[in-house]
Protein backbone atom coordinates (compact mmCIF):
# COMPACT_ATOMS: atom_id res chain seq x y z
CA MET A 1 37.50 -15.39 -23.43
CA ASP A 2 34.92 -17.62 -21.87
CA LYS A 3 34.49 -15.34 -18.88
CA LEU A 4 33.99 -12.47 -21.49
CA ILE A 5 31.07 -14.11 -23.14
CA LYS A 6 29.42 -14.99 -20.05
CA ARG A 7 29.97 -11.48 -18.74
CA SER A 8 28.71 -9.95 -21.77
CA GLY A 9 25.61 -12.33 -21.79
CA MET A 10 24.85 -11.45 -17.99
CA PHE A 11 25.04 -7.80 -18.99
CA LEU A 12 22.90 -8.01 -21.83
CA ALA A 13 20.28 -9.79 -19.57
CA PHE A 14 20.29 -7.25 -17.28
CA CYS A 15 19.90 -4.46 -19.49
CA LEU A 16 16.88 -6.30 -21.25
CA VAL A 17 15.55 -6.91 -17.68
CA ASN A 18 15.51 -3.02 -17.11
CA LEU A 19 14.07 -2.23 -20.46
CA VAL A 20 11.02 -4.65 -19.58
CA ALA A 21 10.73 -2.89 -16.10
CA MET A 22 10.68 0.72 -17.53
CA ALA A 23 8.09 -0.51 -20.18
CA GLN A 24 5.31 -0.79 -17.47
CA ASP A 25 3.33 2.56 -17.49
CA SER A 26 1.62 2.77 -14.22
CA SER A 27 -0.50 5.99 -15.40
CA ASN A 28 -2.57 3.65 -17.79
CA ASN A 29 -4.22 1.09 -15.18
CA ASP A 30 -7.64 1.54 -16.74
CA SER A 31 -8.55 -2.42 -16.39
CA ALA A 32 -7.29 -2.22 -12.60
CA ASP A 33 -9.21 1.02 -11.75
CA PHE A 34 -12.19 -0.48 -13.27
CA MET A 35 -11.81 -3.38 -11.01
CA ARG A 36 -11.19 -1.65 -7.92
CA SER A 37 -14.02 0.74 -8.38
CA ASN A 38 -16.52 -2.24 -8.81
CA GLY A 39 -14.93 -4.28 -5.81
CA LYS A 40 -14.24 -7.15 -8.13
CA ILE A 41 -10.29 -7.00 -7.49
CA TYR A 42 -10.89 -8.51 -3.96
CA VAL A 43 -12.67 -11.28 -5.59
CA VAL A 44 -9.79 -12.01 -8.00
CA ILE A 45 -7.36 -11.77 -5.23
CA THR A 46 -9.53 -14.23 -2.78
CA VAL A 47 -9.36 -16.71 -5.91
CA ALA A 48 -5.94 -16.39 -6.45
CA ALA A 49 -5.32 -17.03 -2.85
CA ILE A 50 -7.61 -20.04 -2.70
CA ILE A 51 -5.58 -21.55 -5.83
CA ILE A 52 -2.23 -20.91 -4.08
CA THR A 53 -3.35 -22.46 -0.77
CA GLY A 54 -4.76 -25.49 -2.61
CA LEU A 55 -1.59 -25.89 -4.34
CA PHE A 56 0.51 -25.71 -1.17
CA LEU A 57 -1.57 -28.09 0.50
CA TYR A 58 -1.25 -30.69 -2.35
CA MET A 59 2.25 -30.21 -2.39
CA LEU A 60 2.47 -31.01 1.56
CA SER A 61 0.23 -34.08 1.11
CA LEU A 62 2.60 -35.37 -1.87
CA GLU A 63 5.65 -34.51 0.42
CA ARG A 64 4.05 -36.60 3.30
CA LYS A 65 3.23 -39.67 0.91
CA ILE A 66 6.69 -39.78 -0.72
CA LYS A 67 8.28 -39.92 2.76
CA LYS A 68 6.03 -42.65 3.97
CA LEU A 69 6.86 -44.42 0.61
CA GLU A 70 10.77 -43.91 1.48
CA ARG A 71 10.32 -45.32 4.85
CA GLU A 72 9.03 -48.55 3.75
């Protein structure tokens, strides 16, 4: 009985994910087209890349500090 509940829950979750994916309409990208036409999309991508790189470097420095503390 427990397996049946888990399987039906997973089936429902996959169905909902499919519905959400189908809900995205690619023909109505006015904001993306506007930003692409003005060249601002590259600014957004650059800022996002800088933020992700900063987070990655911060995590690396934390990992090094933790390893140093574990050795002591």
